[in-house]
Amino acid sequence: VEHGAGDVTRARAAYSKAVELDPKHADALNNLAWLDFEREGATPRVEALARRAVALRPREPQMLDTLAW
């Protein structure tokens, strides 16, 4: 699901399901963190999602960017 297409609710549900099925799905963790950051701001839960993504792929610029925000 491409959240850039505007269906944020559907994208969030898909990323959540992906993380539920595979807790080490770095892209889903990162994208879920970003969507929730846009909705909630920098909460401890959002930071935890972003940190999990970075821990899985520490050299990935998009993961680091999400965590930095």
N, C-alpha and C. Protein backbone atom coordinates (compact mmCIF):
# COMPACT_ATOMS: atom_id res chain seq x y z
N VAL A 1 0.85 -1.17 0.00
CA VAL A 1 0.00 0.00 0.00
C VAL A 1 0.89 1.23 0.00
N GLU A 2 0.63 2.12 -0.90
CA GLU A 2 1.42 3.35 -1.00
C GLU A 2 0.71 4.44 -0.23
N HIS A 3 1.30 4.86 0.90
CA HIS A 3 0.63 5.89 1.68
C HIS A 3 0.70 7.25 1.00
N GLY A 4 1.55 7.40 0.03
CA GLY A 4 1.61 8.64 -0.73
C GLY A 4 0.37 8.85 -1.59
N ALA A 5 -0.39 7.79 -1.81
CA ALA A 5 -1.60 7.87 -2.63
C ALA A 5 -2.76 8.50 -1.85
N GLY A 6 -2.59 8.69 -0.55
CA GLY A 6 -3.58 9.41 0.23
C GLY A 6 -4.46 8.58 1.13
N ASP A 7 -4.43 7.27 1.04
CA ASP A 7 -5.26 6.43 1.91
C ASP A 7 -4.44 6.03 3.13
N VAL A 8 -4.27 6.98 4.02
CA VAL A 8 -3.41 6.80 5.18
C VAL A 8 -3.97 5.73 6.12
N THR A 9 -5.27 5.70 6.27
CA THR A 9 -5.88 4.71 7.17
C THR A 9 -5.60 3.29 6.68
N ARG A 10 -5.78 3.08 5.40
CA ARG A 10 -5.52 1.76 4.83
C ARG A 10 -4.03 1.42 4.88
N ALA A 11 -3.19 2.39 4.59
CA ALA A 11 -1.74 2.17 4.65
C ALA A 11 -1.31 1.81 6.06
N ARG A 12 -1.82 2.54 7.04
CA ARG A 12 -1.46 2.27 8.43
C ARG A 12 -1.88 0.86 8.84
N ALA A 13 -3.07 0.45 8.44
CA ALA A 13 -3.54 -0.89 8.76
C ALA A 13 -2.65 -1.95 8.11
N ALA A 14 -2.24 -1.72 6.87
CA ALA A 14 -1.38 -2.68 6.17
C ALA A 14 -0.01 -2.76 6.84
N TYR A 15 0.57 -1.63 7.20
CA TYR A 15 1.88 -1.65 7.86
C TYR A 15 1.78 -2.32 9.23
N SER A 16 0.71 -2.04 9.95
CA SER A 16 0.51 -2.67 11.27
C SER A 16 0.42 -4.18 11.13
N LYS A 17 -0.32 -4.64 10.14
CA LYS A 17 -0.47 -6.08 9.91
C LYS A 17 0.88 -6.70 9.52
N ALA A 18 1.63 -6.00 8.68
CA ALA A 18 2.95 -6.50 8.27
C ALA A 18 3.87 -6.66 9.48
N VAL A 19 3.84 -5.69 10.39
CA VAL A 19 4.67 -5.75 11.60
C VAL A 19 4.18 -6.87 12.52
N GLU A 20 2.88 -7.06 12.58
CA GLU A 20 2.32 -8.14 13.39
C GLU A 20 2.81 -9.50 12.86
N LEU A 21 2.80 -9.67 11.54
CA LEU A 21 3.21 -10.92 10.93
C LEU A 21 4.73 -11.11 10.95
N ASP A 22 5.45 -10.01 10.83
CA ASP A 22 6.92 -10.05 10.81
C ASP A 22 7.46 -8.86 11.59
N PRO A 23 7.70 -9.04 12.89
CA PRO A 23 8.18 -7.94 13.73
C PRO A 23 9.51 -7.34 13.29
N LYS A 24 10.19 -8.00 12.35
CA LYS A 24 11.47 -7.49 11.84
C LYS A 24 11.35 -6.93 10.44
N HIS A 25 10.16 -6.53 10.05
CA HIS A 25 9.93 -5.93 8.72
C HIS A 25 10.29 -4.44 8.82
N ALA A 26 11.53 -4.13 8.52
CA ALA A 26 12.07 -2.78 8.73
C ALA A 26 11.29 -1.72 7.97
N ASP A 27 10.93 -1.98 6.72
CA ASP A 27 10.20 -0.98 5.94
C ASP A 27 8.84 -0.68 6.57
N ALA A 28 8.14 -1.72 6.99
CA ALA A 28 6.83 -1.52 7.62
C ALA A 28 6.97 -0.75 8.94
N LEU A 29 7.97 -1.10 9.73
CA LEU A 29 8.21 -0.38 10.99
C LEU A 29 8.47 1.09 10.72
N ASN A 30 9.33 1.35 9.76
CA ASN A 30 9.69 2.73 9.42
C ASN A 30 8.48 3.51 8.92
N ASN A 31 7.74 2.93 8.01
CA ASN A 31 6.59 3.63 7.44
C ASN A 31 5.48 3.84 8.48
N LEU A 32 5.29 2.87 9.33
CA LEU A 32 4.31 3.02 10.41
C LEU A 32 4.75 4.13 11.36
N ALA A 33 6.04 4.17 11.68
CA ALA A 33 6.55 5.24 12.55
C ALA A 33 6.31 6.60 11.91
N TRP A 34 6.56 6.71 10.61
CA TRP A 34 6.39 8.00 9.94
C TRP A 34 4.92 8.43 9.92
N LEU A 35 4.03 7.49 9.57
CA LEU A 35 2.60 7.83 9.54
C LEU A 35 2.11 8.26 10.92
N ASP A 36 2.53 7.52 11.94
CA ASP A 36 2.10 7.86 13.29
C ASP A 36 2.74 9.16 13.77
N PHE A 37 3.97 9.42 13.35
CA PHE A 37 4.60 10.70 13.68
C PHE A 37 3.79 11.86 13.09
N GLU A 38 3.37 11.70 11.84
CA GLU A 38 2.57 12.76 11.20
C GLU A 38 1.24 12.97 11.92
N ARG A 39 0.69 11.90 12.48
CA ARG A 39 -0.60 11.98 13.16
C ARG A 39 -0.47 12.40 14.62
N GLU A 40 0.54 11.85 15.33
CA GLU A 40 0.64 12.02 16.78
C GLU A 40 1.79 12.91 17.24
N GLY A 41 2.76 13.11 16.35
CA GLY A 41 3.97 13.80 16.77
C GLY A 41 4.96 12.81 17.35
N ALA A 42 5.97 13.31 17.98
CA ALA A 42 7.06 12.47 18.50
C ALA A 42 6.68 11.88 19.85
N THR A 43 6.01 10.75 19.83
CA THR A 43 5.64 10.06 21.06
C THR A 43 6.65 8.95 21.34
N PRO A 44 6.69 8.45 22.56
CA PRO A 44 7.60 7.34 22.86
C PRO A 44 7.33 6.11 21.98
N ARG A 45 6.08 5.83 21.65
CA ARG A 45 5.75 4.69 20.81
C ARG A 45 6.27 4.87 19.39
N VAL A 46 6.12 6.07 18.86
CA VAL A 46 6.62 6.36 17.52
C VAL A 46 8.15 6.23 17.49
N GLU A 47 8.80 6.76 18.51
CA GLU A 47 10.26 6.65 18.59
C GLU A 47 10.69 5.19 18.67
N ALA A 48 9.97 4.38 19.43
CA ALA A 48 10.31 2.97 19.56
C ALA A 48 10.20 2.26 18.21
N LEU A 49 9.17 2.57 17.44
CA LEU A 49 9.03 1.97 16.11
C LEU A 49 10.21 2.35 15.22
N ALA A 50 10.55 3.63 15.23
CA ALA A 50 11.66 4.11 14.41
C ALA A 50 12.98 3.49 14.85
N ARG A 51 13.18 3.36 16.13
CA ARG A 51 14.42 2.75 16.64
C ARG A 51 14.52 1.28 16.25
N ARG A 52 13.39 0.58 16.26
CA ARG A 52 13.40 -0.83 15.83
C ARG A 52 13.80 -0.93 14.36
N ALA A 53 13.28 -0.03 13.53
CA ALA A 53 13.63 -0.04 12.11
C ALA A 53 15.12 0.23 11.91
N VAL A 54 15.65 1.21 12.63
CA VAL A 54 17.08 1.55 12.52
C VAL A 54 17.95 0.40 13.03
N ALA A 55 17.51 -0.26 14.08
CA ALA A 55 18.28 -1.39 14.60
C ALA A 55 18.41 -2.51 13.57
N LEU A 56 17.37 -2.67 12.76
CA LEU A 56 17.38 -3.71 11.72
C LEU A 56 18.20 -3.30 10.50
N ARG A 57 18.18 -2.01 10.17
CA ARG A 57 18.91 -1.53 8.98
C ARG A 57 19.58 -0.20 9.33
N PRO A 58 20.66 -0.27 10.10
CA PRO A 58 21.28 0.95 10.64
C PRO A 58 21.92 1.89 9.62
N ARG A 59 22.16 1.44 8.43
CA ARG A 59 22.79 2.31 7.43
C ARG A 59 21.80 2.80 6.36
N GLU A 60 20.55 2.53 6.57
CA GLU A 60 19.52 2.91 5.60
C GLU A 60 19.10 4.37 5.84
N PRO A 61 19.37 5.25 4.89
CA PRO A 61 19.07 6.68 5.08
C PRO A 61 17.61 6.97 5.46
N GLN A 62 16.66 6.29 4.86
CA GLN A 62 15.26 6.60 5.17
C GLN A 62 14.92 6.22 6.60
N MET A 63 15.52 5.18 7.11
CA MET A 63 15.28 4.78 8.51
C MET A 63 15.86 5.83 9.45
N LEU A 64 17.08 6.26 9.15
CA LEU A 64 17.73 7.27 9.98
C LEU A 64 16.98 8.60 9.92
N ASP A 65 16.46 8.93 8.76
CA ASP A 65 15.70 10.17 8.59
C ASP A 65 14.44 10.16 9.45
N THR A 66 13.72 9.05 9.43
CA THR A 66 12.50 8.95 10.25
C THR A 66 12.85 9.11 11.72
N LEU A 67 13.88 8.42 12.17
CA LEU A 67 14.27 8.53 13.58
C LEU A 67 14.70 9.96 13.92
N ALA A 68 15.39 10.60 13.03
CA ALA A 68 15.85 11.98 13.29
C ALA A 68 14.68 12.95 13.49
N TRP A 69 13.60 12.75 12.74
CA TRP A 69 12.45 13.62 12.91
C TRP A 69 11.83 13.40 14.27
